[in-house]
Structures are given as C-alpha cells and as structure tokens.
Amino acid sequence: MAGMGDNPHADAGDERAPRARLMQEVADQMDAIETDFGDKFEIGRVITIVEVTGPDGDIGIRVRAGQLPWVSLGMLEWAKKSLEAAAG
C-alpha cells in the first residue's frame, strides 16, 4: 500500500499539489484493493485519516468518516488490531 513508510517526507522532491498527492494515494489504494479482491467487490464504509503539515510547520490530523461515530470507532479499533497483528 502506498505511504507505508515512516517518513512522510520521503518524496521530498515531489512538487505535486496536495490534492494530486492525495488522489494518487486513493488511486494506489484502489489498485491494491483490486489486486486483493479481483473485480467482484463492493466498497463499504470509508474512513480517511490524513496528516497535514501547515505552512508554519504545525502538524494536524484530519479524520473524516461518513457513518455513525460508534461505527467509525469500531472500524478504527479493528484497523489498529490488524496493524498490531501484522507487526507481529
């Protein structure tokens, strides 16, 4: 999956606009989903989490989820446990 490294600035020479960079991440995620699931799948609920560095160097986290808060929290908890299990 794209963006799996620890250094968010690994593409320091990347001059793409923020919107283009985010759209590339989404396209990479879609490619990975198609690789894992083939062409017969549906996209369910979606949560986006984006680290944003402002011009003053302040870092913020933007979270957007289009479902009820308890559903979002459950999905995030499941994602956390999946990452912990993958890390072994």
PDB file of N, CA and C in Angstrom:
ATOM      1  N   MET A   1       0.841  -1.163   0.000  1.00  0.00           N
ATOM      2  CA  MET A   1       0.000   0.000   0.000  1.00  0.00           C
ATOM      3  C   MET A   1       0.888   1.228   0.000  1.00  0.00           C
ATOM      4  N   ALA A   2       0.454   2.264  -0.666  1.00  0.00           N
ATOM      5  CA  ALA A   2       1.232   3.492  -0.737  1.00  0.00           C
ATOM      6  C   ALA A   2       1.326   4.142   0.627  1.00  0.00           C
ATOM      7  N   GLY A   3       2.419   4.840   0.838  1.00  0.00           N
ATOM      8  CA  GLY A   3       2.573   5.595   2.062  1.00  0.00           C
ATOM      9  C   GLY A   3       2.807   4.755   3.298  1.00  0.00           C
ATOM     10  N   MET A   4       3.343   3.554   3.151  1.00  0.00           N
ATOM     11  CA  MET A   4       3.532   2.687   4.296  1.00  0.00           C
ATOM     12  C   MET A   4       4.807   3.004   5.065  1.00  0.00           C
ATOM     13  N   GLY A   5       5.683   3.847   4.531  1.00  0.00           N
ATOM     14  CA  GLY A   5       6.924   4.165   5.217  1.00  0.00           C
ATOM     15  C   GLY A   5       6.708   5.091   6.398  1.00  0.00           C
ATOM     16  N   ASP A   6       7.767   5.217   7.230  1.00  0.00           N
ATOM     17  CA  ASP A   6       7.674   6.071   8.402  1.00  0.00           C
ATOM     18  C   ASP A   6       7.941   7.537   8.079  1.00  0.00           C
ATOM     19  N   ASN A   7       8.546   7.813   6.952  1.00  0.00           N
ATOM     20  CA  ASN A   7       8.924   9.179   6.620  1.00  0.00           C
ATOM     21  C   ASN A   7       7.910   9.787   5.661  1.00  0.00           C
ATOM     22  N   PRO A   8       7.035  10.676   6.158  1.00  0.00           N
ATOM     23  CA  PRO A   8       6.031  11.267   5.274  1.00  0.00           C
ATOM     24  C   PRO A   8       6.650  12.193   4.235  1.00  0.00           C
ATOM     25  N   HIS A   9       7.904  12.569   4.438  1.00  0.00           N
ATOM     26  CA  HIS A   9       8.570  13.475   3.505  1.00  0.00           C
ATOM     27  C   HIS A   9       9.570  12.729   2.618  1.00  0.00           C
ATOM     28  N   ALA A  10       9.384  11.419   2.491  1.00  0.00           N
ATOM     29  CA  ALA A  10      10.297  10.609   1.686  1.00  0.00           C
ATOM     30  C   ALA A  10      10.315  11.087   0.245  1.00  0.00           C
ATOM     31  N   ASP A  11       9.214  11.665  -0.215  1.00  0.00           N
ATOM     32  CA  ASP A  11       9.140  12.196  -1.579  1.00  0.00           C
ATOM     33  C   ASP A  11       9.439  13.689  -1.550  1.00  0.00           C
ATOM     34  N   ALA A  12      10.490  14.082  -0.862  1.00  0.00           N
ATOM     35  CA  ALA A  12      10.788  15.494  -0.652  1.00  0.00           C
ATOM     36  C   ALA A  12      10.842  16.279  -1.954  1.00  0.00           C
ATOM     37  N   GLY A  13      11.237  15.636  -3.050  1.00  0.00           N
ATOM     38  CA  GLY A  13      11.283  16.321  -4.330  1.00  0.00           C
ATOM     39  C   GLY A  13       9.944  16.352  -5.035  1.00  0.00           C
ATOM     40  N   ASP A  14       8.927  15.793  -4.422  1.00  0.00           N
ATOM     41  CA  ASP A  14       7.597  15.701  -5.011  1.00  0.00           C
ATOM     42  C   ASP A  14       6.931  17.067  -4.970  1.00  0.00           C
ATOM     43  N   GLU A  15       6.762  17.662  -6.124  1.00  0.00           N
ATOM     44  CA  GLU A  15       6.192  19.002  -6.206  1.00  0.00           C
ATOM     45  C   GLU A  15       4.710  18.990  -6.548  1.00  0.00           C
ATOM     46  N   ARG A  16       4.090  17.792  -6.502  1.00  0.00           N
ATOM     47  CA  ARG A  16       2.666  17.729  -6.812  1.00  0.00           C
ATOM     48  C   ARG A  16       1.863  18.528  -5.800  1.00  0.00           C
ATOM     49  N   ALA A  17       0.768  19.076  -6.267  1.00  0.00           N
ATOM     50  CA  ALA A  17      -0.143  19.788  -5.375  1.00  0.00           C
ATOM     51  C   ALA A  17      -0.707  18.799  -4.362  1.00  0.00           C
ATOM     52  N   PRO A  18      -1.052  19.271  -3.171  1.00  0.00           N
ATOM     53  CA  PRO A  18      -1.589  18.372  -2.152  1.00  0.00           C
ATOM     54  C   PRO A  18      -2.774  17.544  -2.655  1.00  0.00           C
ATOM     55  N   ARG A  19      -3.666  18.135  -3.426  1.00  0.00           N
ATOM     56  CA  ARG A  19      -4.820  17.408  -3.948  1.00  0.00           C
ATOM     57  C   ARG A  19      -4.365  16.264  -4.853  1.00  0.00           C
ATOM     58  N   ALA A  20      -3.382  16.519  -5.697  1.00  0.00           N
ATOM     59  CA  ALA A  20      -2.888  15.475  -6.600  1.00  0.00           C
ATOM     60  C   ALA A  20      -2.226  14.351  -5.806  1.00  0.00           C
ATOM     61  N   ARG A  21      -1.503  14.696  -4.767  1.00  0.00           N
ATOM     62  CA  ARG A  21      -0.858  13.669  -3.942  1.00  0.00           C
ATOM     63  C   ARG A  21      -1.895  12.789  -3.249  1.00  0.00           C
ATOM     64  N   LEU A  22      -2.929  13.418  -2.683  1.00  0.00           N
ATOM     65  CA  LEU A  22      -3.979  12.653  -2.013  1.00  0.00           C
ATOM     66  C   LEU A  22      -4.722  11.771  -3.014  1.00  0.00           C
ATOM     67  N   MET A  23      -5.015  12.292  -4.180  1.00  0.00           N
ATOM     68  CA  MET A  23      -5.710  11.498  -5.195  1.00  0.00           C
ATOM     69  C   MET A  23      -4.852  10.316  -5.644  1.00  0.00           C
ATOM     70  N   GLN A  24      -3.531  10.493  -5.709  1.00  0.00           N
ATOM     71  CA  GLN A  24      -2.649   9.381  -6.054  1.00  0.00           C
ATOM     72  C   GLN A  24      -2.689   8.306  -4.982  1.00  0.00           C
ATOM     73  N   GLU A  25      -2.729   8.703  -3.708  1.00  0.00           N
ATOM     74  CA  GLU A  25      -2.844   7.734  -2.616  1.00  0.00           C
ATOM     75  C   GLU A  25      -4.138   6.930  -2.743  1.00  0.00           C
ATOM     76  N   VAL A  26      -5.236   7.622  -3.065  1.00  0.00           N
ATOM     77  CA  VAL A  26      -6.520   6.939  -3.235  1.00  0.00           C
ATOM     78  C   VAL A  26      -6.447   5.964  -4.416  1.00  0.00           C
ATOM     79  N   ALA A  27      -5.855   6.395  -5.522  1.00  0.00           N
ATOM     80  CA  ALA A  27      -5.719   5.519  -6.688  1.00  0.00           C
ATOM     81  C   ALA A  27      -4.860   4.301  -6.357  1.00  0.00           C
ATOM     82  N   ASP A  28      -3.785   4.497  -5.610  1.00  0.00           N
ATOM     83  CA  ASP A  28      -2.931   3.376  -5.204  1.00  0.00           C
ATOM     84  C   ASP A  28      -3.701   2.404  -4.307  1.00  0.00           C
ATOM     85  N   GLN A  29      -4.515   2.944  -3.408  1.00  0.00           N
ATOM     86  CA  GLN A  29      -5.327   2.094  -2.534  1.00  0.00           C
ATOM     87  C   GLN A  29      -6.331   1.287  -3.365  1.00  0.00           C
ATOM     88  N   MET A  30      -6.945   1.923  -4.359  1.00  0.00           N
ATOM     89  CA  MET A  30      -7.905   1.223  -5.212  1.00  0.00           C
ATOM     90  C   MET A  30      -7.209   0.109  -5.987  1.00  0.00           C
ATOM     91  N   ASP A  31      -6.009   0.374  -6.494  1.00  0.00           N
ATOM     92  CA  ASP A  31      -5.240  -0.668  -7.187  1.00  0.00           C
ATOM     93  C   ASP A  31      -4.965  -1.850  -6.267  1.00  0.00           C
ATOM     94  N   ALA A  32      -4.599  -1.566  -5.013  1.00  0.00           N
ATOM     95  CA  ALA A  32      -4.315  -2.631  -4.053  1.00  0.00           C
ATOM     96  C   ALA A  32      -5.574  -3.437  -3.734  1.00  0.00           C
ATOM     97  N   ILE A  33      -6.706  -2.757  -3.612  1.00  0.00           N
ATOM     98  CA  ILE A  33      -7.975  -3.449  -3.365  1.00  0.00           C
ATOM     99  C   ILE A  33      -8.305  -4.369  -4.536  1.00  0.00           C
ATOM    100  N   GLU A  34      -8.157  -3.878  -5.757  1.00  0.00           N
ATOM    101  CA  GLU A  34      -8.444  -4.696  -6.940  1.00  0.00           C
ATOM    102  C   GLU A  34      -7.505  -5.890  -7.026  1.00  0.00           C
ATOM    103  N   THR A  35      -6.258  -5.703  -6.631  1.00  0.00           N
ATOM    104  CA  THR A  35      -5.301  -6.817  -6.622  1.00  0.00           C
ATOM    105  C   THR A  35      -5.730  -7.882  -5.616  1.00  0.00           C
ATOM    106  N   ASP A  36      -6.166  -7.456  -4.442  1.00  0.00           N
ATOM    107  CA  ASP A  36      -6.548  -8.390  -3.377  1.00  0.00           C
ATOM    108  C   ASP A  36      -7.907  -9.038  -3.595  1.00  0.00           C
ATOM    109  N   PHE A  37      -8.850  -8.314  -4.191  1.00  0.00           N
ATOM    110  CA  PHE A  37     -10.236  -8.786  -4.259  1.00  0.00           C
ATOM    111  C   PHE A  37     -10.744  -9.049  -5.671  1.00  0.00           C
ATOM    112  N   GLY A  38      -9.908  -8.814  -6.688  1.00  0.00           N
ATOM    113  CA  GLY A  38     -10.364  -9.021  -8.062  1.00  0.00           C
ATOM    114  C   GLY A  38     -11.300  -7.907  -8.495  1.00  0.00           C
ATOM    115  N   ASP A  39     -12.263  -8.259  -9.352  1.00  0.00           N
ATOM    116  CA  ASP A  39     -13.155  -7.214  -9.863  1.00  0.00           C
ATOM    117  C   ASP A  39     -14.596  -7.379  -9.387  1.00  0.00           C
ATOM    118  N   LYS A  40     -14.815  -8.298  -8.471  1.00  0.00           N
ATOM    119  CA  LYS A  40     -16.175  -8.512  -7.953  1.00  0.00           C
ATOM    120  C   LYS A  40     -16.204  -8.174  -6.463  1.00  0.00           C
ATOM    121  N   PHE A  41     -16.334  -6.897  -6.161  1.00  0.00           N
ATOM    122  CA  PHE A  41     -16.369  -6.438  -4.770  1.00  0.00           C
ATOM    123  C   PHE A  41     -17.173  -5.147  -4.704  1.00  0.00           C
ATOM    124  N   GLU A  42     -17.559  -4.786  -3.513  1.00  0.00           N
ATOM    125  CA  GLU A  42     -18.206  -3.503  -3.269  1.00  0.00           C
ATOM    126  C   GLU A  42     -17.395  -2.747  -2.229  1.00  0.00           C
ATOM    127  N   ILE A  43     -17.341  -1.449  -2.356  1.00  0.00           N
ATOM    128  CA  ILE A  43     -16.697  -0.617  -1.344  1.00  0.00           C
ATOM    129  C   ILE A  43     -17.760  -0.286  -0.298  1.00  0.00           C
ATOM    130  N   GLY A  44     -17.464  -0.591   0.945  1.00  0.00           N
ATOM    131  CA  GLY A  44     -18.383  -0.288   2.045  1.00  0.00           C
ATOM    132  C   GLY A  44     -18.058   1.073   2.632  1.00  0.00           C
ATOM    133  N   ARG A  45     -18.063   1.134   3.929  1.00  0.00           N
ATOM    134  CA  ARG A  45     -17.772   2.393   4.615  1.00  0.00           C
ATOM    135  C   ARG A  45     -16.306   2.774   4.421  1.00  0.00           C
ATOM    136  N   VAL A  46     -16.046   4.075   4.453  1.00  0.00           N
ATOM    137  CA  VAL A  46     -14.696   4.596   4.225  1.00  0.00           C
ATOM    138  C   VAL A  46     -14.360   5.587   5.329  1.00  0.00           C
ATOM    139  N   ILE A  47     -13.138   5.459   5.849  1.00  0.00           N
ATOM    140  CA  ILE A  47     -12.590   6.438   6.785  1.00  0.00           C
ATOM    141  C   ILE A  47     -11.286   6.944   6.174  1.00  0.00           C
ATOM    142  N   THR A  48     -11.094   8.247   6.168  1.00  0.00           N
ATOM    143  CA  THR A  48      -9.808   8.792   5.729  1.00  0.00           C
ATOM    144  C   THR A  48      -9.137   9.462   6.912  1.00  0.00           C
ATOM    145  N   ILE A  49      -7.838   9.216   7.016  1.00  0.00           N
ATOM    146  CA  ILE A  49      -7.007   9.843   8.036  1.00  0.00           C
ATOM    147  C   ILE A  49      -5.806  10.419   7.308  1.00  0.00           C
ATOM    148  N   VAL A  50      -5.640  11.717   7.414  1.00  0.00           N
ATOM    149  CA  VAL A  50      -4.580  12.391   6.669  1.00  0.00           C
ATOM    150  C   VAL A  50      -3.774  13.274   7.613  1.00  0.00           C
ATOM    151  N   GLU A  51      -2.458  13.110   7.571  1.00  0.00           N
ATOM    152  CA  GLU A  51      -1.568  14.021   8.300  1.00  0.00           C
ATOM    153  C   GLU A  51      -1.337  15.231   7.410  1.00  0.00           C
ATOM    154  N   VAL A  52      -1.538  16.423   7.970  1.00  0.00           N
ATOM    155  CA  VAL A  52      -1.405  17.657   7.201  1.00  0.00           C
ATOM    156  C   VAL A  52      -0.396  18.560   7.895  1.00  0.00           C
ATOM    157  N   THR A  53       0.619  18.987   7.157  1.00  0.00           N
ATOM    158  CA  THR A  53       1.602  19.938   7.683  1.00  0.00           C
ATOM    159  C   THR A  53       1.309  21.311   7.097  1.00  0.00           C
ATOM    160  N   GLY A  54       1.035  22.264   7.965  1.00  0.00           N
ATOM    161  CA  GLY A  54       0.720  23.619   7.524  1.00  0.00           C
ATOM    162  C   GLY A  54       1.971  24.393   7.162  1.00  0.00           C
ATOM    163  N   PRO A  55       1.786  25.564   6.581  1.00  0.00           N
ATOM    164  CA  PRO A  55       2.933  26.384   6.153  1.00  0.00           C
ATOM    165  C   PRO A  55       3.819  26.814   7.318  1.00  0.00           C
ATOM    166  N   ASP A  56       3.249  26.828   8.526  1.00  0.00           N
ATOM    167  CA  ASP A  56       4.030  27.209   9.701  1.00  0.00           C
ATOM    168  C   ASP A  56       4.725  26.014  10.353  1.00  0.00           C
ATOM    169  N   GLY A  57       4.566  24.821   9.747  1.00  0.00           N
ATOM    170  CA  GLY A  57       5.197  23.618  10.270  1.00  0.00           C
ATOM    171  C   GLY A  57       4.339  22.846  11.257  1.00  0.00           C
ATOM    172  N   ASP A  58       3.211  23.433  11.667  1.00  0.00           N
ATOM    173  CA  ASP A  58       2.301  22.717  12.565  1.00  0.00           C
ATOM    174  C   ASP A  58       1.722  21.508  11.841  1.00  0.00           C
ATOM    175  N   ILE A  59       1.599  20.407  12.583  1.00  0.00           N
ATOM    176  CA  ILE A  59       1.069  19.177  12.012  1.00  0.00           C
ATOM    177  C   ILE A  59      -0.293  18.897  12.625  1.00  0.00           C
ATOM    178  N   GLY A  60      -1.246  18.589  11.762  1.00  0.00           N
ATOM    179  CA  GLY A  60      -2.584  18.240  12.209  1.00  0.00           C
ATOM    180  C   GLY A  60      -2.995  16.915  11.604  1.00  0.00           C
ATOM    181  N   ILE A  61      -4.004  16.322  12.186  1.00  0.00           N
ATOM    182  CA  ILE A  61      -4.571  15.087  11.664  1.00  0.00           C
ATOM    183  C   ILE A  61      -6.015  15.381  11.282  1.00  0.00           C
ATOM    184  N   ARG A  62      -6.383  15.024  10.063  1.00  0.00           N
ATOM    185  CA  ARG A  62      -7.752  15.212   9.580  1.00  0.00           C
ATOM    186  C   ARG A  62      -8.389  13.838   9.448  1.00  0.00           C
ATOM    187  N   VAL A  63      -9.504  13.630  10.154  1.00  0.00           N
ATOM    188  CA  VAL A  63     -10.226  12.364  10.093  1.00  0.00           C
ATOM    189  C   VAL A  63     -11.628  12.652   9.573  1.00  0.00           C
ATOM    190  N   ARG A  64     -12.029  11.885   8.572  1.00  0.00           N
ATOM    191  CA  ARG A  64     -13.381  12.008   8.032  1.00  0.00           C
ATOM    192  C   ARG A  64     -13.984  10.623   7.910  1.00  0.00           C
ATOM    193  N   ALA A  65     -15.206  10.487   8.407  1.00  0.00           N
ATOM    194  CA  ALA A  65     -15.908   9.211   8.333  1.00  0.00           C
ATOM    195  C   ALA A  65     -17.382   9.501   8.099  1.00  0.00           C
ATOM    196  N   GLY A  66     -17.952   8.855   7.099  1.00  0.00           N
ATOM    197  CA  GLY A  66     -19.341   9.119   6.739  1.00  0.00           C
ATOM    198  C   GLY A  66     -20.313   8.137   7.357  1.00  0.00           C
ATOM    199  N   GLN A  67     -20.121   7.796   8.615  1.00  0.00           N
ATOM    200  CA  GLN A  67     -21.049   6.892   9.285  1.00  0.00           C
ATOM    201  C   GLN A  67     -21.178   7.304  10.749  1.00  0.00           C
ATOM    202  N   LEU A  68     -21.996   6.584  11.466  1.00  0.00           N
ATOM    203  CA  LEU A  68     -22.211   6.899  12.875  1.00  0.00           C
ATOM    204  C   LEU A  68     -20.899   6.776  13.650  1.00  0.00           C
ATOM    205  N   PRO A  69     -20.688   7.623  14.655  1.00  0.00           N
ATOM    206  CA  PRO A  69     -19.412   7.646  15.372  1.00  0.00           C
ATOM    207  C   PRO A  69     -19.003   6.289  15.940  1.00  0.00           C
ATOM    208  N   TRP A  70     -19.951   5.517  16.473  1.00  0.00           N
ATOM    209  CA  TRP A  70     -19.577   4.227  17.065  1.00  0.00           C
ATOM    210  C   TRP A  70     -19.152   3.231  16.003  1.00  0.00           C
ATOM    211  N   VAL A  71     -19.668   3.378  14.785  1.00  0.00           N
ATOM    212  CA  VAL A  71     -19.219   2.528  13.682  1.00  0.00           C
ATOM    213  C   VAL A  71     -17.785   2.904  13.326  1.00  0.00           C
ATOM    214  N   SER A  72     -17.511   4.201  13.237  1.00  0.00           N
ATOM    215  CA  SER A  72     -16.156   4.674  12.936  1.00  0.00           C
ATOM    216  C   SER A  72     -15.163   4.192  13.979  1.00  0.00           C
ATOM    217  N   LEU A  73     -15.520   4.297  15.257  1.00  0.00           N
ATOM    218  CA  LEU A  73     -14.623   3.857  16.325  1.00  0.00           C
ATOM    219  C   LEU A  73     -14.363   2.356  16.235  1.00  0.00           C
ATOM    220  N   GLY A  74     -15.378   1.584  15.921  1.00  0.00           N
ATOM    221  CA  GLY A  74     -15.197   0.140  15.759  1.00  0.00           C
ATOM    222  C   GLY A  74     -14.273  -0.179  14.596  1.00  0.00           C
ATOM    223  N   MET A  75     -14.437   0.532  13.478  1.00  0.00           N
ATOM    224  CA  MET A  75     -13.569   0.302  12.331  1.00  0.00           C
ATOM    225  C   MET A  75     -12.125   0.662  12.664  1.00  0.00           C
ATOM    226  N   LEU A  76     -11.937   1.773  13.361  1.00  0.00           N
ATOM    227  CA  LEU A  76     -10.582   2.183  13.732  1.00  0.00           C
ATOM    228  C   LEU A  76      -9.947   1.190  14.693  1.00  0.00           C
ATOM    229  N   GLU A  77     -10.724   0.672  15.627  1.00  0.00           N
ATOM    230  CA  GLU A  77     -10.204  -0.326  16.567  1.00  0.00           C
ATOM    231  C   GLU A  77      -9.808  -1.598  15.816  1.00  0.00           C
ATOM    232  N   TRP A  78     -10.631  -2.020  14.865  1.00  0.00           N
ATOM    233  CA  TRP A  78     -10.314  -3.210  14.066  1.00  0.00           C
ATOM    234  C   TRP A  78      -9.039  -2.971  13.265  1.00  0.00           C
ATOM    235  N   ALA A  79      -8.914  -1.770  12.668  1.00  0.00           N
ATOM    236  CA  ALA A  79      -7.716  -1.446  11.892  1.00  0.00           C
ATOM    237  C   ALA A  79      -6.480  -1.466  12.781  1.00  0.00           C
ATOM    238  N   LYS A  80      -6.595  -0.923  13.985  1.00  0.00           N
ATOM    239  CA  LYS A  80      -5.470  -0.921  14.928  1.00  0.00           C
ATOM    240  C   LYS A  80      -5.031  -2.347  15.247  1.00  0.00           C
ATOM    241  N   LYS A  81      -5.987  -3.219  15.547  1.00  0.00           N
ATOM    242  CA  LYS A  81      -5.652  -4.605  15.885  1.00  0.00           C
ATOM    243  C   LYS A  81      -5.062  -5.331  14.685  1.00  0.00           C
ATOM    244  N   SER A  82      -5.533  -5.029  13.494  1.00  0.00           N
ATOM    245  CA  SER A  82      -4.975  -5.645  12.275  1.00  0.00           C
ATOM    246  C   SER A  82      -3.522  -5.235  12.076  1.00  0.00           C
ATOM    247  N   LEU A  83      -3.227  -3.956  12.292  1.00  0.00           N
ATOM    248  CA  LEU A  83      -1.842  -3.483  12.140  1.00  0.00           C
ATOM    249  C   LEU A  83      -0.943  -4.091  13.210  1.00  0.00           C
ATOM    250  N   GLU A  84      -1.453  -4.191  14.433  1.00  0.00           N
ATOM    251  CA  GLU A  84      -0.668  -4.818  15.508  1.00  0.00           C
ATOM    252  C   GLU A  84      -0.373  -6.273  15.188  1.00  0.00           C
ATOM    253  N   ALA A  85      -1.369  -6.984  14.667  1.00  0.00           N
ATOM    254  CA  ALA A  85      -1.174  -8.401  14.319  1.00  0.00           C
ATOM    255  C   ALA A  85      -0.175  -8.541  13.176  1.00  0.00           C
ATOM    256  N   ALA A  86      -0.248  -7.647  12.201  1.00  0.00           N
ATOM    257  CA  ALA A  86       0.680  -7.706  11.062  1.00  0.00           C
ATOM    258  C   ALA A  86       2.116  -7.414  11.497  1.00  0.00           C
ATOM    259  N   ALA A  87       2.255  -6.548  12.511  1.00  0.00           N
ATOM    260  CA  ALA A  87       3.581  -6.190  13.004  1.00  0.00           C
ATOM    261  C   ALA A  87       4.188  -7.333  13.828  1.00  0.00           C
ATOM    262  N   GLY A  88       3.315  -8.239  14.274  1.00  0.00           N
ATOM    263  CA  GLY A  88       3.758  -9.428  14.998  1.00  0.00           C
ATOM    264  C   GLY A  88       4.246  -9.106  16.348  1.00  0.00           C
TER     265      GLY A  88
END
